[in-house]
N, C-alpha and C. Protein backbone atom coordinates (compact mmCIF):
# COMPACT_ATOMS: atom_id res chain seq x y z
N MET A 1 -17.43 43.24 9.70
CA MET A 1 -17.70 42.04 10.49
C MET A 1 -16.36 41.40 10.86
N VAL A 2 -16.23 40.99 12.09
CA VAL A 2 -15.01 40.38 12.59
C VAL A 2 -15.19 38.86 12.60
N TYR A 3 -14.18 38.15 12.10
CA TYR A 3 -14.22 36.70 12.12
C TYR A 3 -13.55 36.19 13.38
N ASN A 4 -14.22 35.35 14.12
CA ASN A 4 -13.65 34.73 15.31
C ASN A 4 -13.50 33.24 15.02
N SER A 5 -12.27 32.76 15.10
CA SER A 5 -11.99 31.35 14.85
C SER A 5 -12.79 30.47 15.80
N PRO A 6 -13.15 29.28 15.35
CA PRO A 6 -13.82 28.33 16.24
C PRO A 6 -12.96 28.01 17.46
N VAL A 7 -13.62 27.77 18.57
CA VAL A 7 -12.96 27.45 19.83
C VAL A 7 -13.63 26.20 20.39
N LEU A 8 -12.84 25.30 20.94
CA LEU A 8 -13.40 24.12 21.58
C LEU A 8 -13.90 24.51 22.98
N PHE A 9 -15.17 24.29 23.23
CA PHE A 9 -15.74 24.56 24.55
C PHE A 9 -16.66 23.42 24.94
N ASP A 10 -17.10 23.40 26.19
CA ASP A 10 -17.79 22.24 26.75
C ASP A 10 -19.04 21.79 25.99
N LYS A 11 -19.68 22.70 25.25
CA LYS A 11 -20.88 22.33 24.48
C LYS A 11 -20.65 22.49 22.98
N SER A 12 -19.40 22.39 22.56
CA SER A 12 -19.03 22.54 21.16
C SER A 12 -19.70 21.47 20.30
N GLU A 13 -20.09 21.86 19.10
CA GLU A 13 -20.75 20.91 18.20
C GLU A 13 -19.81 19.82 17.72
N THR A 14 -18.50 20.00 17.89
CA THR A 14 -17.55 19.00 17.44
C THR A 14 -17.37 17.87 18.44
N ILE A 15 -17.80 18.07 19.68
CA ILE A 15 -17.65 17.03 20.70
C ILE A 15 -18.75 15.99 20.51
N VAL A 16 -18.32 14.73 20.43
CA VAL A 16 -19.25 13.62 20.20
C VAL A 16 -19.06 12.54 21.27
N GLU A 17 -20.07 11.73 21.46
CA GLU A 17 -19.99 10.60 22.38
C GLU A 17 -19.35 9.39 21.70
N LYS A 18 -19.53 9.31 20.37
CA LYS A 18 -18.98 8.21 19.58
C LYS A 18 -18.61 8.76 18.21
N ILE A 19 -17.40 8.44 17.76
CA ILE A 19 -17.00 8.92 16.44
C ILE A 19 -17.69 8.10 15.36
N THR A 20 -18.08 8.78 14.30
CA THR A 20 -18.81 8.13 13.21
C THR A 20 -18.15 8.43 11.87
N VAL A 21 -18.31 7.52 10.95
CA VAL A 21 -17.71 7.66 9.62
C VAL A 21 -18.48 8.69 8.80
N ARG A 22 -17.73 9.57 8.16
CA ARG A 22 -18.33 10.52 7.23
C ARG A 22 -18.06 10.00 5.81
N GLN A 23 -19.11 9.55 5.14
CA GLN A 23 -18.95 8.96 3.82
C GLN A 23 -18.54 9.97 2.75
N ASP A 24 -18.80 11.24 3.01
CA ASP A 24 -18.51 12.27 2.00
C ASP A 24 -17.06 12.76 2.07
N ARG A 25 -16.21 12.13 2.87
CA ARG A 25 -14.82 12.55 3.01
C ARG A 25 -13.89 11.58 2.29
N ARG A 26 -12.83 12.13 1.68
CA ARG A 26 -11.88 11.30 0.93
C ARG A 26 -10.93 10.54 1.84
N LYS A 27 -10.52 11.21 2.92
CA LYS A 27 -9.52 10.63 3.80
C LYS A 27 -9.91 10.92 5.25
N LEU A 28 -9.50 10.04 6.14
CA LEU A 28 -9.75 10.20 7.56
C LEU A 28 -8.41 10.29 8.29
N LEU A 29 -8.28 11.28 9.16
CA LEU A 29 -7.10 11.43 10.00
C LEU A 29 -7.55 11.25 11.44
N ILE A 30 -6.95 10.28 12.12
CA ILE A 30 -7.30 9.97 13.50
C ILE A 30 -6.10 10.33 14.38
N ILE A 31 -6.31 11.24 15.32
CA ILE A 31 -5.25 11.61 16.25
C ILE A 31 -5.70 11.18 17.64
N SER A 32 -4.96 10.25 18.23
CA SER A 32 -5.31 9.71 19.54
C SER A 32 -4.22 10.04 20.54
N ALA A 33 -4.60 10.74 21.60
CA ALA A 33 -3.66 11.08 22.66
C ALA A 33 -4.03 10.41 23.97
N VAL A 34 -4.90 9.40 23.88
CA VAL A 34 -5.36 8.72 25.09
C VAL A 34 -5.18 7.21 24.89
N PRO A 35 -4.15 6.62 25.49
CA PRO A 35 -3.95 5.17 25.33
C PRO A 35 -5.13 4.34 25.82
N LYS A 36 -5.86 4.82 26.84
CA LYS A 36 -7.00 4.07 27.38
C LYS A 36 -8.14 3.97 26.37
N LYS A 37 -8.20 4.89 25.42
CA LYS A 37 -9.27 4.87 24.42
C LYS A 37 -8.86 4.10 23.18
N ALA A 38 -7.71 3.41 23.22
CA ALA A 38 -7.21 2.69 22.06
C ALA A 38 -8.23 1.67 21.53
N GLU A 39 -8.96 1.05 22.43
CA GLU A 39 -9.97 0.06 22.02
C GLU A 39 -11.07 0.73 21.18
N THR A 40 -11.51 1.90 21.59
CA THR A 40 -12.53 2.64 20.83
C THR A 40 -12.00 3.00 19.44
N ILE A 41 -10.75 3.44 19.37
CA ILE A 41 -10.14 3.80 18.09
C ILE A 41 -9.98 2.56 17.22
N GLU A 42 -9.57 1.44 17.81
CA GLU A 42 -9.41 0.21 17.03
C GLU A 42 -10.75 -0.27 16.48
N GLN A 43 -11.82 -0.14 17.25
CA GLN A 43 -13.15 -0.50 16.74
C GLN A 43 -13.52 0.37 15.55
N PHE A 44 -13.23 1.66 15.64
CA PHE A 44 -13.52 2.58 14.56
C PHE A 44 -12.70 2.23 13.32
N ILE A 45 -11.42 1.93 13.50
CA ILE A 45 -10.56 1.55 12.36
C ILE A 45 -11.07 0.26 11.73
N HIS A 46 -11.50 -0.69 12.55
CA HIS A 46 -12.06 -1.94 12.03
C HIS A 46 -13.32 -1.65 11.20
N GLU A 47 -14.11 -0.68 11.66
CA GLU A 47 -15.35 -0.30 10.96
C GLU A 47 -15.06 0.31 9.59
N ILE A 48 -13.98 1.10 9.49
CA ILE A 48 -13.69 1.79 8.22
C ILE A 48 -12.69 1.04 7.34
N ASN A 49 -12.09 -0.03 7.86
CA ASN A 49 -11.04 -0.73 7.14
C ASN A 49 -11.48 -1.11 5.73
N ASP A 50 -10.64 -0.82 4.77
CA ASP A 50 -10.84 -1.08 3.34
C ASP A 50 -11.92 -0.20 2.70
N GLN A 51 -12.63 0.62 3.47
CA GLN A 51 -13.63 1.52 2.90
C GLN A 51 -13.03 2.88 2.58
N LYS A 52 -12.17 3.36 3.47
CA LYS A 52 -11.62 4.71 3.36
C LYS A 52 -10.12 4.69 3.59
N GLU A 53 -9.44 5.66 2.99
CA GLU A 53 -8.03 5.87 3.29
C GLU A 53 -7.98 6.57 4.64
N TYR A 54 -7.12 6.10 5.52
CA TYR A 54 -7.00 6.75 6.82
C TYR A 54 -5.55 6.80 7.26
N GLU A 55 -5.28 7.71 8.18
CA GLU A 55 -3.97 7.85 8.80
C GLU A 55 -4.21 7.94 10.29
N LEU A 56 -3.41 7.20 11.06
CA LEU A 56 -3.53 7.19 12.51
C LEU A 56 -2.27 7.77 13.12
N MET A 57 -2.44 8.77 13.98
CA MET A 57 -1.32 9.35 14.72
C MET A 57 -1.60 9.16 16.20
N GLU A 58 -0.75 8.38 16.86
CA GLU A 58 -0.89 8.17 18.29
C GLU A 58 0.14 9.04 19.01
N ILE A 59 -0.35 9.85 19.94
CA ILE A 59 0.51 10.77 20.67
C ILE A 59 0.75 10.21 22.06
N ASN A 60 2.02 9.96 22.36
CA ASN A 60 2.38 9.39 23.65
C ASN A 60 3.21 10.33 24.51
N GLU A 61 3.69 11.41 23.92
CA GLU A 61 4.54 12.33 24.67
C GLU A 61 4.35 13.76 24.17
N GLU A 62 4.82 14.70 24.97
CA GLU A 62 4.65 16.14 24.69
C GLU A 62 5.25 16.55 23.35
N LEU A 63 6.40 15.98 22.99
CA LEU A 63 7.07 16.33 21.73
C LEU A 63 6.18 16.01 20.53
N GLN A 64 5.51 14.87 20.56
CA GLN A 64 4.62 14.49 19.47
C GLN A 64 3.44 15.46 19.38
N LEU A 65 2.97 15.94 20.51
CA LEU A 65 1.87 16.89 20.52
C LEU A 65 2.27 18.19 19.83
N LYS A 66 3.52 18.59 20.01
CA LYS A 66 4.01 19.81 19.35
C LYS A 66 4.15 19.62 17.84
N ASN A 67 4.37 18.40 17.39
CA ASN A 67 4.53 18.11 15.96
C ASN A 67 3.21 17.87 15.24
N VAL A 68 2.11 17.93 15.96
CA VAL A 68 0.81 17.67 15.35
C VAL A 68 0.48 18.69 14.26
N SER A 69 0.96 19.91 14.40
CA SER A 69 0.72 20.96 13.39
C SER A 69 1.26 20.56 12.03
N GLU A 70 2.43 19.93 12.01
CA GLU A 70 3.02 19.49 10.75
C GLU A 70 2.13 18.47 10.05
N VAL A 71 1.60 17.53 10.82
CA VAL A 71 0.72 16.50 10.27
C VAL A 71 -0.56 17.14 9.72
N LEU A 72 -1.13 18.07 10.48
CA LEU A 72 -2.37 18.74 10.06
C LEU A 72 -2.14 19.62 8.83
N ASP A 73 -1.01 20.30 8.77
CA ASP A 73 -0.72 21.19 7.65
C ASP A 73 -0.58 20.46 6.31
N ARG A 74 -0.16 19.21 6.33
CA ARG A 74 0.05 18.49 5.07
C ARG A 74 -1.18 17.71 4.58
N GLN A 75 -2.30 17.87 5.28
CA GLN A 75 -3.52 17.17 4.87
C GLN A 75 -4.17 17.85 3.66
N LYS A 76 -4.79 17.04 2.81
CA LYS A 76 -5.49 17.55 1.64
C LYS A 76 -6.91 17.97 2.02
N MET A 77 -7.48 18.82 1.18
CA MET A 77 -8.88 19.20 1.40
C MET A 77 -9.74 17.95 1.34
N GLY A 78 -10.79 17.95 2.15
CA GLY A 78 -11.68 16.80 2.18
C GLY A 78 -11.31 15.77 3.23
N THR A 79 -10.32 16.06 4.05
CA THR A 79 -9.92 15.15 5.12
C THR A 79 -10.81 15.39 6.34
N GLN A 80 -11.30 14.31 6.92
CA GLN A 80 -12.08 14.37 8.15
C GLN A 80 -11.14 14.08 9.31
N LEU A 81 -11.17 14.92 10.34
CA LEU A 81 -10.29 14.77 11.49
C LEU A 81 -11.06 14.22 12.69
N TYR A 82 -10.47 13.21 13.32
CA TYR A 82 -11.02 12.64 14.54
C TYR A 82 -9.98 12.83 15.64
N ILE A 83 -10.40 13.46 16.75
CA ILE A 83 -9.50 13.69 17.88
C ILE A 83 -10.02 12.89 19.06
N SER A 84 -9.13 12.11 19.68
CA SER A 84 -9.46 11.38 20.90
C SER A 84 -8.40 11.77 21.92
N ALA A 85 -8.80 12.56 22.93
CA ALA A 85 -7.81 13.07 23.88
C ALA A 85 -8.47 13.59 25.14
N LYS A 86 -7.64 13.84 26.15
CA LYS A 86 -8.10 14.54 27.35
C LYS A 86 -8.31 16.00 26.96
N TRP A 87 -9.03 16.74 27.80
CA TRP A 87 -9.45 18.10 27.46
C TRP A 87 -8.30 18.99 26.97
N ASP A 88 -7.25 19.14 27.76
CA ASP A 88 -6.17 20.08 27.40
C ASP A 88 -5.49 19.69 26.08
N ASP A 89 -5.24 18.39 25.88
CA ASP A 89 -4.64 17.93 24.63
C ASP A 89 -5.59 18.14 23.46
N ALA A 90 -6.89 17.89 23.69
CA ALA A 90 -7.88 18.09 22.63
C ALA A 90 -7.94 19.55 22.20
N VAL A 91 -7.85 20.47 23.16
CA VAL A 91 -7.85 21.90 22.83
C VAL A 91 -6.63 22.25 21.98
N THR A 92 -5.48 21.72 22.34
CA THR A 92 -4.25 21.97 21.58
C THR A 92 -4.37 21.45 20.16
N ILE A 93 -4.86 20.23 19.99
CA ILE A 93 -5.00 19.63 18.66
C ILE A 93 -6.07 20.36 17.86
N PHE A 94 -7.20 20.67 18.49
CA PHE A 94 -8.30 21.38 17.83
C PHE A 94 -7.81 22.75 17.32
N THR A 95 -7.10 23.50 18.16
CA THR A 95 -6.59 24.81 17.78
C THR A 95 -5.62 24.71 16.60
N ALA A 96 -4.75 23.70 16.64
CA ALA A 96 -3.81 23.49 15.52
C ALA A 96 -4.56 23.14 14.25
N ALA A 97 -5.63 22.37 14.38
CA ALA A 97 -6.44 21.99 13.20
C ALA A 97 -7.12 23.21 12.58
N ILE A 98 -7.66 24.09 13.41
CA ILE A 98 -8.31 25.31 12.91
C ILE A 98 -7.27 26.18 12.20
N GLU A 99 -6.08 26.30 12.79
CA GLU A 99 -5.01 27.08 12.17
C GLU A 99 -4.55 26.47 10.85
N ALA A 100 -4.66 25.14 10.71
CA ALA A 100 -4.28 24.46 9.48
C ALA A 100 -5.37 24.55 8.41
N GLY A 101 -6.55 25.05 8.78
CA GLY A 101 -7.61 25.24 7.79
C GLY A 101 -8.80 24.32 7.90
N PHE A 102 -8.84 23.48 8.93
CA PHE A 102 -10.00 22.61 9.13
C PHE A 102 -11.17 23.45 9.63
N SER A 103 -12.38 23.06 9.25
CA SER A 103 -13.58 23.72 9.77
C SER A 103 -14.17 22.83 10.87
N GLU A 104 -15.11 23.39 11.63
CA GLU A 104 -15.75 22.60 12.68
C GLU A 104 -16.48 21.39 12.11
N ASP A 105 -17.00 21.52 10.91
CA ASP A 105 -17.71 20.43 10.25
C ASP A 105 -16.77 19.25 9.92
N GLU A 106 -15.49 19.52 9.82
CA GLU A 106 -14.52 18.49 9.46
C GLU A 106 -13.85 17.85 10.67
N ILE A 107 -14.32 18.18 11.88
CA ILE A 107 -13.69 17.69 13.10
C ILE A 107 -14.72 17.01 14.01
N GLN A 108 -14.36 15.84 14.52
CA GLN A 108 -15.12 15.19 15.59
C GLN A 108 -14.15 14.98 16.75
N THR A 109 -14.58 15.35 17.95
CA THR A 109 -13.72 15.27 19.12
C THR A 109 -14.35 14.38 20.18
N LEU A 110 -13.59 13.39 20.60
CA LEU A 110 -14.02 12.47 21.65
C LEU A 110 -13.18 12.78 22.88
N ILE A 111 -13.81 13.34 23.91
CA ILE A 111 -13.09 13.77 25.11
C ILE A 111 -13.03 12.63 26.12
N SER A 112 -11.85 12.38 26.63
CA SER A 112 -11.66 11.40 27.69
C SER A 112 -11.54 12.16 29.01
N GLY A 113 -12.39 11.85 29.94
CA GLY A 113 -12.37 12.56 31.21
C GLY A 113 -13.32 13.75 31.19
N LYS A 114 -13.05 14.71 32.09
CA LYS A 114 -13.95 15.85 32.24
C LYS A 114 -13.65 16.95 31.23
N LYS A 115 -14.72 17.62 30.82
CA LYS A 115 -14.60 18.81 29.98
C LYS A 115 -14.39 20.00 30.90
N LYS A 116 -13.77 21.05 30.37
CA LYS A 116 -13.57 22.26 31.16
C LYS A 116 -14.50 23.35 30.65
N ARG A 117 -14.89 24.22 31.57
CA ARG A 117 -15.79 25.33 31.26
C ARG A 117 -15.15 26.61 31.78
N TYR A 118 -15.09 27.62 30.93
CA TYR A 118 -14.45 28.88 31.30
C TYR A 118 -15.46 30.01 31.36
N ILE A 119 -15.25 30.92 32.33
CA ILE A 119 -16.12 32.07 32.54
C ILE A 119 -15.29 33.32 32.35
N TYR A 120 -15.86 34.29 31.63
CA TYR A 120 -15.20 35.57 31.37
C TYR A 120 -15.89 36.65 32.21
N CYS A 121 -15.16 37.28 33.13
CA CYS A 121 -15.72 38.29 34.03
C CYS A 121 -15.86 39.62 33.27
N LEU A 122 -17.07 40.16 33.25
CA LEU A 122 -17.30 41.44 32.59
C LEU A 122 -16.80 42.63 33.38
N LYS A 123 -16.44 42.43 34.64
CA LYS A 123 -15.93 43.54 35.43
C LYS A 123 -14.42 43.72 35.24
N CYS A 124 -13.66 42.66 35.41
CA CYS A 124 -12.19 42.78 35.36
C CYS A 124 -11.57 42.11 34.13
N TYR A 125 -12.41 41.46 33.29
CA TYR A 125 -11.96 40.84 32.04
C TYR A 125 -11.05 39.63 32.27
N HIS A 126 -11.22 38.97 33.39
CA HIS A 126 -10.42 37.81 33.74
C HIS A 126 -11.15 36.54 33.28
N LEU A 127 -10.40 35.59 32.74
CA LEU A 127 -10.95 34.30 32.32
C LEU A 127 -10.57 33.26 33.35
N GLN A 128 -11.55 32.49 33.80
CA GLN A 128 -11.26 31.47 34.81
C GLN A 128 -12.08 30.22 34.55
N GLU A 129 -11.62 29.12 35.10
CA GLU A 129 -12.33 27.86 34.98
C GLU A 129 -13.44 27.79 36.02
N ALA A 130 -14.55 27.15 35.67
CA ALA A 130 -15.67 27.00 36.61
C ALA A 130 -16.22 25.58 36.52
N VAL A 131 -16.93 25.18 37.56
CA VAL A 131 -17.59 23.88 37.58
C VAL A 131 -18.72 23.89 36.55
N ALA A 132 -18.85 22.81 35.81
CA ALA A 132 -19.80 22.75 34.70
C ALA A 132 -21.25 23.01 35.10
N GLU A 133 -21.66 22.59 36.29
CA GLU A 133 -23.06 22.72 36.69
C GLU A 133 -23.39 24.06 37.33
N ASP A 134 -22.39 24.85 37.68
CA ASP A 134 -22.63 26.11 38.37
C ASP A 134 -23.40 27.12 37.51
N THR A 135 -24.31 27.85 38.16
CA THR A 135 -25.02 28.94 37.48
C THR A 135 -24.47 30.29 37.91
N ASP A 136 -23.69 30.27 39.00
CA ASP A 136 -22.99 31.48 39.43
C ASP A 136 -21.68 31.10 40.09
N THR A 137 -20.79 32.07 40.22
CA THR A 137 -19.48 31.83 40.80
C THR A 137 -18.92 33.15 41.31
N ILE A 138 -17.76 33.10 41.89
CA ILE A 138 -17.06 34.32 42.31
C ILE A 138 -15.80 34.43 41.48
N CYS A 139 -15.55 35.62 40.95
CA CYS A 139 -14.35 35.85 40.15
C CYS A 139 -13.12 35.71 41.05
N HIS A 140 -12.18 34.89 40.63
CA HIS A 140 -10.96 34.68 41.42
C HIS A 140 -10.07 35.92 41.40
N HIS A 141 -10.26 36.77 40.42
CA HIS A 141 -9.40 37.94 40.26
C HIS A 141 -9.91 39.16 41.04
N CYS A 142 -11.21 39.50 40.85
CA CYS A 142 -11.74 40.72 41.49
C CYS A 142 -12.73 40.43 42.63
N GLN A 143 -13.01 39.16 42.88
CA GLN A 143 -13.85 38.72 43.99
C GLN A 143 -15.31 39.13 43.90
N ILE A 144 -15.80 39.50 42.73
CA ILE A 144 -17.20 39.87 42.58
C ILE A 144 -18.02 38.61 42.24
N SER A 145 -19.28 38.61 42.63
CA SER A 145 -20.18 37.51 42.29
C SER A 145 -20.56 37.62 40.82
N LEU A 146 -20.56 36.48 40.14
CA LEU A 146 -20.90 36.45 38.72
C LEU A 146 -22.02 35.47 38.45
N GLU A 147 -23.01 35.91 37.69
CA GLU A 147 -24.03 35.01 37.17
C GLU A 147 -23.50 34.52 35.84
N ILE A 148 -23.48 33.21 35.64
CA ILE A 148 -22.93 32.65 34.41
C ILE A 148 -24.02 32.63 33.35
N GLY A 149 -23.79 33.38 32.29
CA GLY A 149 -24.76 33.47 31.20
C GLY A 149 -24.78 32.20 30.35
N PRO A 150 -25.82 32.04 29.54
CA PRO A 150 -25.96 30.83 28.73
C PRO A 150 -25.16 30.86 27.43
N PHE A 151 -24.58 31.99 27.10
CA PHE A 151 -23.92 32.12 25.81
C PHE A 151 -22.41 32.07 25.92
N PHE A 152 -21.79 31.35 24.99
CA PHE A 152 -20.34 31.24 24.92
C PHE A 152 -19.82 32.28 23.95
N SER A 153 -18.82 33.04 24.37
CA SER A 153 -18.20 34.05 23.51
C SER A 153 -16.93 33.48 22.89
N ARG A 154 -16.91 33.32 21.57
CA ARG A 154 -15.71 32.83 20.90
C ARG A 154 -14.57 33.82 21.04
N GLU A 155 -14.91 35.09 21.01
CA GLU A 155 -13.87 36.12 21.11
C GLU A 155 -13.23 36.11 22.49
N ARG A 156 -14.03 35.93 23.54
CA ARG A 156 -13.52 35.94 24.92
C ARG A 156 -13.13 34.55 25.40
N LYS A 157 -13.47 33.53 24.63
CA LYS A 157 -13.16 32.13 24.91
C LYS A 157 -13.75 31.63 26.23
N GLY A 158 -14.95 32.12 26.54
CA GLY A 158 -15.62 31.68 27.75
C GLY A 158 -17.07 32.12 27.79
N TYR A 159 -17.81 31.57 28.74
CA TYR A 159 -19.18 32.01 28.98
C TYR A 159 -19.10 33.36 29.67
N ILE A 160 -20.04 34.23 29.40
CA ILE A 160 -20.02 35.57 29.98
C ILE A 160 -20.49 35.49 31.43
N GLY A 161 -19.68 36.08 32.31
CA GLY A 161 -20.02 36.17 33.73
C GLY A 161 -20.50 37.58 34.03
N TYR A 162 -21.78 37.71 34.37
CA TYR A 162 -22.40 39.02 34.63
C TYR A 162 -22.30 39.35 36.12
N PRO A 163 -21.67 40.48 36.49
CA PRO A 163 -21.57 40.85 37.91
C PRO A 163 -22.96 41.12 38.51
N TYR A 164 -23.14 40.70 39.75
CA TYR A 164 -24.39 41.00 40.48
C TYR A 164 -24.08 41.03 41.96
N ASN A 165 -25.00 41.63 42.70
CA ASN A 165 -24.85 41.71 44.15
C ASN A 165 -25.79 40.68 44.76
N PRO A 166 -25.27 39.62 45.38
CA PRO A 166 -26.12 38.56 45.92
C PRO A 166 -27.07 39.05 47.01
N ALA A 167 -26.78 40.19 47.63
CA ALA A 167 -27.65 40.72 48.68
C ALA A 167 -29.02 41.13 48.13
N PHE A 168 -29.08 41.45 46.82
CA PHE A 168 -30.33 41.89 46.22
C PHE A 168 -31.11 40.78 45.53
N VAL A 169 -30.63 39.55 45.63
CA VAL A 169 -31.32 38.41 45.01
C VAL A 169 -32.39 37.92 45.98
N THR A 170 -33.60 37.85 45.49
CA THR A 170 -34.70 37.35 46.33
C THR A 170 -34.87 35.86 46.10
N SER A 171 -35.12 35.12 47.17
CA SER A 171 -35.34 33.68 47.01
C SER A 171 -36.81 33.43 46.73
N ASN A 172 -37.07 32.42 45.94
CA ASN A 172 -38.46 32.08 45.55
C ASN A 172 -39.09 31.15 46.52
């Protein structure tokens, strides 16, 4: 059996609309890369103040984002991670957290802005971004029509795009 590390994707179980306190955790680590969401983070800190030990890391520049691995690596077992960031930054932080040993159960991610959705072409093996609501698309690499499947592949890091010929699709 092959182990595939967790991947952050548009319907990931770690993505939440509102971060919530986990009472079964010893420490909380909050990583915020979105200054506009500071009010949401401050409300959360006010909610947990004096109840739990917490650490807040605010990322304002690219250099700090690169140093996030060091912060994640020094965390003790039982730490709950909260990520508040735009999609690309959230993916970077989430990936670093998984590499540091966090599980999906130990991470809550609050996305600011739009989520991204990736499609993996079964014909040419190309990974590309797609609009979230689309049920089909055209591969940017090989130009074939793809039906977007409902399943996300952790190994391929995208939804499976099944090649089809639109000329043979009958309308209902």
